[in-house]
């Protein structure tokens, strides 16, 4: 979400990022899960 927000500023449409795992509310708050340890292991 934050990447998209920066790229399209100053436009502020609703954004669902990370294939829908993140959703930005109109007030700018972002609903998202906690990052999994498995993802960090795969990244390494």
ModelCIF file with pLDDT and N, C-alpha, C, O atoms, coordinates in Angstrom:
data_MODEL
#
_entry.id   MODEL 
#
_entity.id                         1 
_entity.type                       polymer 
_entity.pdbx_number_of_molecules   1 
#
_entity_poly.entity_id                      1 
_entity_poly.type                           'polypeptide(L)' 
_entity_poly.nstd_linkage                   no 
_entity_poly.nstd_monomer                   no 
_entity_poly.pdbx_seq_one_letter_code       
;(UNK)(UNK)(UNK)(UNK)(UNK)(UNK)(UNK)(UNK)(UNK)(UNK)(UNK)(UNK)(UNK)(UNK)(UNK)(UNK)
(UNK)(UNK)(UNK)(UNK)(UNK)(UNK)(UNK)(UNK)(UNK)(UNK)(UNK)(UNK)(UNK)(UNK)(UNK)(UNK)
(UNK)(UNK)(UNK)(UNK)(UNK)(UNK)(UNK)(UNK)(UNK)(UNK)(UNK)(UNK)
;
_entity_poly.pdbx_seq_one_letter_code_can   XXXXXXXXXXXXXXXXXXXXXXXXXXXXXXXXXXXXXXXXXXXX 
_entity_poly.pdbx_strand_id                 A 
#
loop_
_entity_poly_seq.entity_id 
_entity_poly_seq.num 
_entity_poly_seq.mon_id 
_entity_poly_seq.hetero 
1 1  UNK n 
1 2  UNK n 
1 3  UNK n 
1 4  UNK n 
1 5  UNK n 
1 6  UNK n 
1 7  UNK n 
1 8  UNK n 
1 9  UNK n 
1 10 UNK n 
1 11 UNK n 
1 12 UNK n 
1 13 UNK n 
1 14 UNK n 
1 15 UNK n 
1 16 UNK n 
1 17 UNK n 
1 18 UNK n 
1 19 UNK n 
1 20 UNK n 
1 21 UNK n 
1 22 UNK n 
1 23 UNK n 
1 24 UNK n 
1 25 UNK n 
1 26 UNK n 
1 27 UNK n 
1 28 UNK n 
1 29 UNK n 
1 30 UNK n 
1 31 UNK n 
1 32 UNK n 
1 33 UNK n 
1 34 UNK n 
1 35 UNK n 
1 36 UNK n 
1 37 UNK n 
1 38 UNK n 
1 39 UNK n 
1 40 UNK n 
1 41 UNK n 
1 42 UNK n 
1 43 UNK n 
1 44 UNK n 
#
_struct_asym.id          A 
_struct_asym.entity_id   1 
#
loop_
_ma_qa_metric.id 
_ma_qa_metric.mode 
_ma_qa_metric.name 
_ma_qa_metric.software_group_id 
_ma_qa_metric.type 
1 global pLDDT . pLDDT 
2 local  pLDDT . pLDDT 
#
_ma_qa_metric_global.metric_id      1 
_ma_qa_metric_global.metric_value   89.45 
_ma_qa_metric_global.model_id       1 
_ma_qa_metric_global.ordinal_id     1 
#
loop_
_ma_qa_metric_local.label_asym_id 
_ma_qa_metric_local.label_comp_id 
_ma_qa_metric_local.label_seq_id 
_ma_qa_metric_local.metric_id 
_ma_qa_metric_local.metric_value 
_ma_qa_metric_local.model_id 
_ma_qa_metric_local.ordinal_id 
A UNK 1  2 92.00 1 1  
A UNK 2  2 91.00 1 2  
A UNK 3  2 92.00 1 3  
A UNK 4  2 95.00 1 4  
A UNK 5  2 93.00 1 5  
A UNK 6  2 93.00 1 6  
A UNK 7  2 95.00 1 7  
A UNK 8  2 95.00 1 8  
A UNK 9  2 91.00 1 9  
A UNK 10 2 91.00 1 10 
A UNK 11 2 88.00 1 11 
A UNK 12 2 86.00 1 12 
A UNK 13 2 91.00 1 13 
A UNK 14 2 92.00 1 14 
A UNK 15 2 94.00 1 15 
A UNK 16 2 94.00 1 16 
A UNK 17 2 93.00 1 17 
A UNK 18 2 91.00 1 18 
A UNK 19 2 89.00 1 19 
A UNK 20 2 90.00 1 20 
A UNK 21 2 90.00 1 21 
A UNK 22 2 91.00 1 22 
A UNK 23 2 90.00 1 23 
A UNK 24 2 86.00 1 24 
A UNK 25 2 74.00 1 25 
A UNK 26 2 66.00 1 26 
A UNK 27 2 73.00 1 27 
A UNK 28 2 74.00 1 28 
A UNK 29 2 80.00 1 29 
A UNK 30 2 86.00 1 30 
A UNK 31 2 85.00 1 31 
A UNK 32 2 87.00 1 32 
A UNK 33 2 86.00 1 33 
A UNK 34 2 88.00 1 34 
A UNK 35 2 91.00 1 35 
A UNK 36 2 91.00 1 36 
A UNK 37 2 94.00 1 37 
A UNK 38 2 94.00 1 38 
A UNK 39 2 94.00 1 39 
A UNK 40 2 95.00 1 40 
A UNK 41 2 96.00 1 41 
A UNK 42 2 96.00 1 42 
A UNK 43 2 96.00 1 43 
A UNK 44 2 97.00 1 44 
#
loop_
_atom_site.group_PDB 
_atom_site.id 
_atom_site.type_symbol 
_atom_site.label_atom_id 
_atom_site.label_alt_id 
_atom_site.label_comp_id 
_atom_site.label_asym_id 
_atom_site.label_entity_id 
_atom_site.label_seq_id 
_atom_site.pdbx_PDB_ins_code 
_atom_site.Cartn_x 
_atom_site.Cartn_y 
_atom_site.Cartn_z 
_atom_site.occupancy 
_atom_site.B_iso_or_equiv 
_atom_site.pdbx_formal_charge 
_atom_site.auth_seq_id 
_atom_site.auth_comp_id 
_atom_site.auth_asym_id 
_atom_site.auth_atom_id 
_atom_site.pdbx_PDB_model_num 
ATOM 1   N N  . UNK A 1 1  ? 0.823   -1.212  0.000  1.00 92.00 ? 1  UNK A N  1 
ATOM 2   C CA . UNK A 1 1  ? 0.000   0.000   0.000  1.00 92.00 ? 1  UNK A CA 1 
ATOM 3   C C  . UNK A 1 1  ? 0.855   1.260   0.000  1.00 92.00 ? 1  UNK A C  1 
ATOM 4   O O  . UNK A 1 1  ? 0.589   2.183   -0.769 1.00 92.00 ? 1  UNK A O  1 
ATOM 5   N N  . UNK A 1 2  ? 1.870   1.312   0.844  1.00 91.00 ? 2  UNK A N  1 
ATOM 6   C CA . UNK A 1 2  ? 2.666   2.528   0.967  1.00 91.00 ? 2  UNK A CA 1 
ATOM 7   C C  . UNK A 1 2  ? 3.428   2.847   -0.312 1.00 91.00 ? 2  UNK A C  1 
ATOM 8   O O  . UNK A 1 2  ? 3.628   4.020   -0.627 1.00 91.00 ? 2  UNK A O  1 
ATOM 9   N N  . UNK A 1 3  ? 3.855   1.840   -1.051 1.00 92.00 ? 3  UNK A N  1 
ATOM 10  C CA . UNK A 1 3  ? 4.519   2.078   -2.337 1.00 92.00 ? 3  UNK A CA 1 
ATOM 11  C C  . UNK A 1 3  ? 3.553   2.709   -3.331 1.00 92.00 ? 3  UNK A C  1 
ATOM 12  O O  . UNK A 1 3  ? 3.889   3.682   -4.005 1.00 92.00 ? 3  UNK A O  1 
ATOM 13  N N  . UNK A 1 4  ? 2.359   2.149   -3.414 1.00 95.00 ? 4  UNK A N  1 
ATOM 14  C CA . UNK A 1 4  ? 1.366   2.688   -4.330 1.00 95.00 ? 4  UNK A CA 1 
ATOM 15  C C  . UNK A 1 4  ? 1.019   4.126   -3.946 1.00 95.00 ? 4  UNK A C  1 
ATOM 16  O O  . UNK A 1 4  ? 0.948   5.000   -4.810 1.00 95.00 ? 4  UNK A O  1 
ATOM 17  N N  . UNK A 1 5  ? 0.807   4.368   -2.673 1.00 93.00 ? 5  UNK A N  1 
ATOM 18  C CA . UNK A 1 5  ? 0.469   5.715   -2.203 1.00 93.00 ? 5  UNK A CA 1 
ATOM 19  C C  . UNK A 1 5  ? 1.521   6.723   -2.632 1.00 93.00 ? 5  UNK A C  1 
ATOM 20  O O  . UNK A 1 5  ? 1.186   7.814   -3.094 1.00 93.00 ? 5  UNK A O  1 
ATOM 21  N N  . UNK A 1 6  ? 2.792   6.366   -2.482 1.00 93.00 ? 6  UNK A N  1 
ATOM 22  C CA . UNK A 1 6  ? 3.873   7.278   -2.856 1.00 93.00 ? 6  UNK A CA 1 
ATOM 23  C C  . UNK A 1 6  ? 3.922   7.507   -4.364 1.00 93.00 ? 6  UNK A C  1 
ATOM 24  O O  . UNK A 1 6  ? 4.222   8.614   -4.813 1.00 93.00 ? 6  UNK A O  1 
ATOM 25  N N  . UNK A 1 7  ? 3.633   6.479   -5.140 1.00 95.00 ? 7  UNK A N  1 
ATOM 26  C CA . UNK A 1 7  ? 3.737   6.582   -6.599 1.00 95.00 ? 7  UNK A CA 1 
ATOM 27  C C  . UNK A 1 7  ? 2.605   7.395   -7.216 1.00 95.00 ? 7  UNK A C  1 
ATOM 28  O O  . UNK A 1 7  ? 2.799   8.018   -8.260 1.00 95.00 ? 7  UNK A O  1 
ATOM 29  N N  . UNK A 1 8  ? 1.433   7.404   -6.596 1.00 95.00 ? 8  UNK A N  1 
ATOM 30  C CA . UNK A 1 8  ? 0.292   8.097   -7.200 1.00 95.00 ? 8  UNK A CA 1 
ATOM 31  C C  . UNK A 1 8  ? -0.057  9.396   -6.494 1.00 95.00 ? 8  UNK A C  1 
ATOM 32  O O  . UNK A 1 8  ? -1.022  10.058  -6.876 1.00 95.00 ? 8  UNK A O  1 
ATOM 33  N N  . UNK A 1 9  ? 0.708   9.783   -5.466 1.00 91.00 ? 9  UNK A N  1 
ATOM 34  C CA . UNK A 1 9  ? 0.433   11.042  -4.760 1.00 91.00 ? 9  UNK A CA 1 
ATOM 35  C C  . UNK A 1 9  ? 0.413   12.210  -5.760 1.00 91.00 ? 9  UNK A C  1 
ATOM 36  O O  . UNK A 1 9  ? 1.204   12.239  -6.703 1.00 91.00 ? 9  UNK A O  1 
ATOM 37  N N  . UNK A 1 10 ? -0.498  13.170  -5.546 1.00 91.00 ? 10 UNK A N  1 
ATOM 38  C CA . UNK A 1 10 ? -1.345  13.379  -4.368 1.00 91.00 ? 10 UNK A CA 1 
ATOM 39  C C  . UNK A 1 10 ? -2.705  12.687  -4.429 1.00 91.00 ? 10 UNK A C  1 
ATOM 40  O O  . UNK A 1 10 ? -3.531  12.908  -3.543 1.00 91.00 ? 10 UNK A O  1 
ATOM 41  N N  . UNK A 1 11 ? -2.967  11.857  -5.443 1.00 88.00 ? 11 UNK A N  1 
ATOM 42  C CA . UNK A 1 11 ? -4.236  11.124  -5.487 1.00 88.00 ? 11 UNK A CA 1 
ATOM 43  C C  . UNK A 1 11 ? -4.312  10.184  -4.283 1.00 88.00 ? 11 UNK A C  1 
ATOM 44  O O  . UNK A 1 11 ? -3.307  9.609   -3.867 1.00 88.00 ? 11 UNK A O  1 
ATOM 45  N N  . UNK A 1 12 ? -5.521  10.037  -3.731 1.00 86.00 ? 12 UNK A N  1 
ATOM 46  C CA . UNK A 1 12 ? -5.675  9.185   -2.544 1.00 86.00 ? 12 UNK A CA 1 
ATOM 47  C C  . UNK A 1 12 ? -6.885  8.256   -2.688 1.00 86.00 ? 12 UNK A C  1 
ATOM 48  O O  . UNK A 1 12 ? -7.788  8.306   -1.853 1.00 86.00 ? 12 UNK A O  1 
ATOM 49  N N  . UNK A 1 13 ? -6.927  7.415   -3.718 1.00 91.00 ? 13 UNK A N  1 
ATOM 50  C CA . UNK A 1 13 ? -8.023  6.463   -3.814 1.00 91.00 ? 13 UNK A CA 1 
ATOM 51  C C  . UNK A 1 13 ? -7.824  5.328   -2.813 1.00 91.00 ? 13 UNK A C  1 
ATOM 52  O O  . UNK A 1 13 ? -6.721  5.155   -2.294 1.00 91.00 ? 13 UNK A O  1 
ATOM 53  N N  . UNK A 1 14 ? -8.867  4.556   -2.535 1.00 92.00 ? 14 UNK A N  1 
ATOM 54  C CA . UNK A 1 14 ? -8.685  3.352   -1.722 1.00 92.00 ? 14 UNK A CA 1 
ATOM 55  C C  . UNK A 1 14 ? -7.669  2.423   -2.395 1.00 92.00 ? 14 UNK A C  1 
ATOM 56  O O  . UNK A 1 14 ? -7.627  2.323   -3.621 1.00 92.00 ? 14 UNK A O  1 
ATOM 57  N N  . UNK A 1 15 ? -6.863  1.755   -1.592 1.00 94.00 ? 15 UNK A N  1 
ATOM 58  C CA . UNK A 1 15 ? -5.829  0.864   -2.115 1.00 94.00 ? 15 UNK A CA 1 
ATOM 59  C C  . UNK A 1 15 ? -5.867  -0.462  -1.378 1.00 94.00 ? 15 UNK A C  1 
ATOM 60  O O  . UNK A 1 15 ? -5.881  -0.500  -0.147 1.00 94.00 ? 15 UNK A O  1 
ATOM 61  N N  . UNK A 1 16 ? -5.884  -1.551  -2.140 1.00 94.00 ? 16 UNK A N  1 
ATOM 62  C CA . UNK A 1 16 ? -5.659  -2.889  -1.597 1.00 94.00 ? 16 UNK A CA 1 
ATOM 63  C C  . UNK A 1 16 ? -4.302  -3.334  -2.122 1.00 94.00 ? 16 UNK A C  1 
ATOM 64  O O  . UNK A 1 16 ? -4.129  -3.516  -3.327 1.00 94.00 ? 16 UNK A O  1 
ATOM 65  N N  . UNK A 1 17 ? -3.346  -3.509  -1.229 1.00 93.00 ? 17 UNK A N  1 
ATOM 66  C CA . UNK A 1 17 ? -1.999  -3.877  -1.630 1.00 93.00 ? 17 UNK A CA 1 
ATOM 67  C C  . UNK A 1 17 ? -1.662  -5.303  -1.251 1.00 93.00 ? 17 UNK A C  1 
ATOM 68  O O  . UNK A 1 17 ? -2.441  -5.994  -0.594 1.00 93.00 ? 17 UNK A O  1 
ATOM 69  N N  . UNK A 1 18 ? -0.462  -5.739  -1.686 1.00 91.00 ? 18 UNK A N  1 
ATOM 70  C CA . UNK A 1 18 ? 0.017   -7.092  -1.368 1.00 91.00 ? 18 UNK A CA 1 
ATOM 71  C C  . UNK A 1 18 ? -1.021  -8.140  -1.739 1.00 91.00 ? 18 UNK A C  1 
ATOM 72  O O  . UNK A 1 18 ? -1.294  -9.058  -0.966 1.00 91.00 ? 18 UNK A O  1 
ATOM 73  N N  . UNK A 1 19 ? -1.602  -7.995  -2.937 1.00 89.00 ? 19 UNK A N  1 
ATOM 74  C CA . UNK A 1 19 ? -2.621  -8.932  -3.436 1.00 89.00 ? 19 UNK A CA 1 
ATOM 75  C C  . UNK A 1 19 ? -3.818  -9.036  -2.491 1.00 89.00 ? 19 UNK A C  1 
ATOM 76  O O  . UNK A 1 19 ? -4.404  -10.108 -2.336 1.00 89.00 ? 19 UNK A O  1 
ATOM 77  N N  . UNK A 1 20 ? -4.172  -7.924  -1.867 1.00 90.00 ? 20 UNK A N  1 
ATOM 78  C CA . UNK A 1 20 ? -5.360  -7.902  -1.018 1.00 90.00 ? 20 UNK A CA 1 
ATOM 79  C C  . UNK A 1 20 ? -5.108  -8.152  0.451  1.00 90.00 ? 20 UNK A C  1 
ATOM 80  O O  . UNK A 1 20 ? -6.030  -8.048  1.259  1.00 90.00 ? 20 UNK A O  1 
ATOM 81  N N  . UNK A 1 21 ? -3.871  -8.482  0.819  1.00 90.00 ? 21 UNK A N  1 
ATOM 82  C CA . UNK A 1 21 ? -3.582  -8.721  2.236  1.00 90.00 ? 21 UNK A CA 1 
ATOM 83  C C  . UNK A 1 21 ? -3.586  -7.423  3.037  1.00 90.00 ? 21 UNK A C  1 
ATOM 84  O O  . UNK A 1 21 ? -3.872  -7.427  4.234  1.00 90.00 ? 21 UNK A O  1 
ATOM 85  N N  . UNK A 1 22 ? -3.269  -6.313  2.370  1.00 91.00 ? 22 UNK A N  1 
ATOM 86  C CA . UNK A 1 22 ? -3.320  -4.997  3.019  1.00 91.00 ? 22 UNK A CA 1 
ATOM 87  C C  . UNK A 1 22 ? -4.478  -4.204  2.427  1.00 91.00 ? 22 UNK A C  1 
ATOM 88  O O  . UNK A 1 22 ? -4.666  -4.204  1.210  1.00 91.00 ? 22 UNK A O  1 
ATOM 89  N N  . UNK A 1 23 ? -5.247  -3.535  3.259  1.00 90.00 ? 23 UNK A N  1 
ATOM 90  C CA . UNK A 1 23 ? -6.311  -2.656  2.779  1.00 90.00 ? 23 UNK A CA 1 
ATOM 91  C C  . UNK A 1 23 ? -6.217  -1.337  3.532  1.00 90.00 ? 23 UNK A C  1 
ATOM 92  O O  . UNK A 1 23 ? -6.254  -1.308  4.762  1.00 90.00 ? 23 UNK A O  1 
ATOM 93  N N  . UNK A 1 24 ? -6.095  -0.236  2.775  1.00 86.00 ? 24 UNK A N  1 
ATOM 94  C CA . UNK A 1 24 ? -5.994  1.090   3.380  1.00 86.00 ? 24 UNK A CA 1 
ATOM 95  C C  . UNK A 1 24 ? -7.381  1.691   3.529  1.00 86.00 ? 24 UNK A C  1 
ATOM 96  O O  . UNK A 1 24 ? -8.138  1.770   2.561  1.00 86.00 ? 24 UNK A O  1 
ATOM 97  N N  . UNK A 1 25 ? -7.712  2.111   4.730  1.00 74.00 ? 25 UNK A N  1 
ATOM 98  C CA . UNK A 1 25 ? -8.993  2.756   5.012  1.00 74.00 ? 25 UNK A CA 1 
ATOM 99  C C  . UNK A 1 25 ? -8.930  4.223   4.601  1.00 74.00 ? 25 UNK A C  1 
ATOM 100 O O  . UNK A 1 25 ? -7.841  4.766   4.417  1.00 74.00 ? 25 UNK A O  1 
ATOM 101 N N  . UNK A 1 26 ? -10.095 4.874   4.455  1.00 66.00 ? 26 UNK A N  1 
ATOM 102 C CA . UNK A 1 26 ? -10.110 6.294   4.063  1.00 66.00 ? 26 UNK A CA 1 
ATOM 103 C C  . UNK A 1 26 ? -9.303  7.202   4.997  1.00 66.00 ? 26 UNK A C  1 
ATOM 104 O O  . UNK A 1 26 ? -8.797  8.238   4.567  1.00 66.00 ? 26 UNK A O  1 
ATOM 105 N N  . UNK A 1 27 ? -9.181  6.818   6.266  1.00 73.00 ? 27 UNK A N  1 
ATOM 106 C CA . UNK A 1 27 ? -8.430  7.657   7.200  1.00 73.00 ? 27 UNK A CA 1 
ATOM 107 C C  . UNK A 1 27 ? -6.922  7.413   7.139  1.00 73.00 ? 27 UNK A C  1 
ATOM 108 O O  . UNK A 1 27 ? -6.158  8.006   7.900  1.00 73.00 ? 27 UNK A O  1 
ATOM 109 N N  . UNK A 1 28 ? -6.499  6.529   6.218  1.00 74.00 ? 28 UNK A N  1 
ATOM 110 C CA . UNK A 1 28 ? -5.080  6.258   6.056  1.00 74.00 ? 28 UNK A CA 1 
ATOM 111 C C  . UNK A 1 28 ? -4.577  5.067   6.834  1.00 74.00 ? 28 UNK A C  1 
ATOM 112 O O  . UNK A 1 28 ? -3.455  4.617   6.601  1.00 74.00 ? 28 UNK A O  1 
ATOM 113 N N  . UNK A 1 29 ? -5.363  4.542   7.745  1.00 80.00 ? 29 UNK A N  1 
ATOM 114 C CA . UNK A 1 29 ? -4.940  3.354   8.501  1.00 80.00 ? 29 UNK A CA 1 
ATOM 115 C C  . UNK A 1 29 ? -4.954  2.132   7.592  1.00 80.00 ? 29 UNK A C  1 
ATOM 116 O O  . UNK A 1 29 ? -5.742  2.050   6.650  1.00 80.00 ? 29 UNK A O  1 
ATOM 117 N N  . UNK A 1 30 ? -4.073  1.190   7.890  1.00 86.00 ? 30 UNK A N  1 
ATOM 118 C CA . UNK A 1 30 ? -3.923  -0.001  7.054  1.00 86.00 ? 30 UNK A CA 1 
ATOM 119 C C  . UNK A 1 30 ? -4.235  -1.245  7.877  1.00 86.00 ? 30 UNK A C  1 
ATOM 120 O O  . UNK A 1 30 ? -3.659  -1.462  8.944  1.00 86.00 ? 30 UNK A O  1 
ATOM 121 N N  . UNK A 1 31 ? -5.155  -2.056  7.366  1.00 85.00 ? 31 UNK A N  1 
ATOM 122 C CA . UNK A 1 31 ? -5.472  -3.332  7.999  1.00 85.00 ? 31 UNK A CA 1 
ATOM 123 C C  . UNK A 1 31 ? -4.635  -4.416  7.331  1.00 85.00 ? 31 UNK A C  1 
ATOM 124 O O  . UNK A 1 31 ? -4.682  -4.579  6.112  1.00 85.00 ? 31 UNK A O  1 
ATOM 125 N N  . UNK A 1 32 ? -3.875  -5.153  8.124  1.00 87.00 ? 32 UNK A N  1 
ATOM 126 C CA . UNK A 1 32 ? -2.986  -6.165  7.560  1.00 87.00 ? 32 UNK A CA 1 
ATOM 127 C C  . UNK A 1 32 ? -2.656  -7.207  8.624  1.00 87.00 ? 32 UNK A C  1 
ATOM 128 O O  . UNK A 1 32 ? -2.732  -6.910  9.816  1.00 87.00 ? 32 UNK A O  1 
ATOM 129 N N  . UNK A 1 33 ? -2.292  -8.412  8.219  1.00 86.00 ? 33 UNK A N  1 
ATOM 130 C CA . UNK A 1 33 ? -1.905  -9.449  9.180  1.00 86.00 ? 33 UNK A CA 1 
ATOM 131 C C  . UNK A 1 33 ? -0.469  -9.240  9.653  1.00 86.00 ? 33 UNK A C  1 
ATOM 132 O O  . UNK A 1 33 ? 0.245   -8.386  9.126  1.00 86.00 ? 33 UNK A O  1 
ATOM 133 N N  . UNK A 1 34 ? -0.055  -10.006 10.629 1.00 88.00 ? 34 UNK A N  1 
ATOM 134 C CA . UNK A 1 34 ? 1.345   -10.011 11.045 1.00 88.00 ? 34 UNK A CA 1 
ATOM 135 C C  . UNK A 1 34 ? 2.163   -10.798 10.017 1.00 88.00 ? 34 UNK A C  1 
ATOM 136 O O  . UNK A 1 34 ? 1.684   -11.776 9.444  1.00 88.00 ? 34 UNK A O  1 
ATOM 137 N N  . UNK A 1 35 ? 3.379   -10.364 9.798  1.00 91.00 ? 35 UNK A N  1 
ATOM 138 C CA . UNK A 1 35 ? 4.265   -11.069 8.879  1.00 91.00 ? 35 UNK A CA 1 
ATOM 139 C C  . UNK A 1 35 ? 4.702   -12.394 9.499  1.00 91.00 ? 35 UNK A C  1 
ATOM 140 O O  . UNK A 1 35 ? 5.018   -12.459 10.687 1.00 91.00 ? 35 UNK A O  1 
ATOM 141 N N  . UNK A 1 36 ? 4.716   -13.438 8.693  1.00 91.00 ? 36 UNK A N  1 
ATOM 142 C CA . UNK A 1 36 ? 5.047   -14.763 9.214  1.00 91.00 ? 36 UNK A CA 1 
ATOM 143 C C  . UNK A 1 36 ? 6.552   -15.007 9.204  1.00 91.00 ? 36 UNK A C  1 
ATOM 144 O O  . UNK A 1 36 ? 7.274   -14.490 8.351  1.00 91.00 ? 36 UNK A O  1 
ATOM 145 N N  . UNK A 1 37 ? 7.010   -15.802 10.167 1.00 94.00 ? 37 UNK A N  1 
ATOM 146 C CA . UNK A 1 37 ? 8.424   -16.178 10.224 1.00 94.00 ? 37 UNK A CA 1 
ATOM 147 C C  . UNK A 1 37 ? 8.804   -17.021 9.010  1.00 94.00 ? 37 UNK A C  1 
ATOM 148 O O  . UNK A 1 37 ? 9.950   -16.983 8.562  1.00 94.00 ? 37 UNK A O  1 
ATOM 149 N N  . UNK A 1 38 ? 7.849   -17.779 8.477  1.00 94.00 ? 38 UNK A N  1 
ATOM 150 C CA . UNK A 1 38 ? 8.117   -18.608 7.301  1.00 94.00 ? 38 UNK A CA 1 
ATOM 151 C C  . UNK A 1 38 ? 8.527   -17.751 6.112  1.00 94.00 ? 38 UNK A C  1 
ATOM 152 O O  . UNK A 1 38 ? 9.371   -18.154 5.311  1.00 94.00 ? 38 UNK A O  1 
ATOM 153 N N  . UNK A 1 39 ? 7.932   -16.573 6.000  1.00 94.00 ? 39 UNK A N  1 
ATOM 154 C CA . UNK A 1 39 ? 8.277   -15.678 4.897  1.00 94.00 ? 39 UNK A CA 1 
ATOM 155 C C  . UNK A 1 39 ? 9.721   -15.198 5.021  1.00 94.00 ? 39 UNK A C  1 
ATOM 156 O O  . UNK A 1 39 ? 10.438  -15.108 4.024  1.00 94.00 ? 39 UNK A O  1 
ATOM 157 N N  . UNK A 1 40 ? 10.142  -14.892 6.239  1.00 95.00 ? 40 UNK A N  1 
ATOM 158 C CA . UNK A 1 40 ? 11.529  -14.463 6.451  1.00 95.00 ? 40 UNK A CA 1 
ATOM 159 C C  . UNK A 1 40 ? 12.513  -15.588 6.105  1.00 95.00 ? 40 UNK A C  1 
ATOM 160 O O  . UNK A 1 40 ? 13.584  -15.336 5.553  1.00 95.00 ? 40 UNK A O  1 
ATOM 161 N N  . UNK A 1 41 ? 12.143  -16.817 6.431  1.00 96.00 ? 41 UNK A N  1 
ATOM 162 C CA . UNK A 1 41 ? 13.014  -17.948 6.097  1.00 96.00 ? 41 UNK A CA 1 
ATOM 163 C C  . UNK A 1 41 ? 13.117  -18.122 4.583  1.00 96.00 ? 41 UNK A C  1 
ATOM 164 O O  . UNK A 1 41 ? 14.202  -18.366 4.054  1.00 96.00 ? 41 UNK A O  1 
ATOM 165 N N  . UNK A 1 42 ? 11.996  -17.998 3.895  1.00 96.00 ? 42 UNK A N  1 
ATOM 166 C CA . UNK A 1 42 ? 12.005  -18.107 2.430  1.00 96.00 ? 42 UNK A CA 1 
ATOM 167 C C  . UNK A 1 42 ? 12.803  -16.971 1.808  1.00 96.00 ? 42 UNK A C  1 
ATOM 168 O O  . UNK A 1 42 ? 13.525  -17.180 0.833  1.00 96.00 ? 42 UNK A O  1 
ATOM 169 N N  . UNK A 1 43 ? 12.680  -15.774 2.363  1.00 96.00 ? 43 UNK A N  1 
ATOM 170 C CA . UNK A 1 43 ? 13.430  -14.623 1.858  1.00 96.00 ? 43 UNK A CA 1 
ATOM 171 C C  . UNK A 1 43 ? 14.937  -14.873 1.935  1.00 96.00 ? 43 UNK A C  1 
ATOM 172 O O  . UNK A 1 43 ? 15.662  -14.578 0.984  1.00 96.00 ? 43 UNK A O  1 
ATOM 173 N N  . UNK A 1 44 ? 15.405  -15.408 3.044  1.00 97.00 ? 44 UNK A N  1 
ATOM 174 C CA . UNK A 1 44 ? 16.836  -15.660 3.210  1.00 97.00 ? 44 UNK A CA 1 
ATOM 175 C C  . UNK A 1 44 ? 17.341  -16.662 2.172  1.00 97.00 ? 44 UNK A C  1 
ATOM 176 O O  . UNK A 1 44 ? 18.526  -16.995 2.160  1.00 97.00 ? 44 UNK A O  1 
#
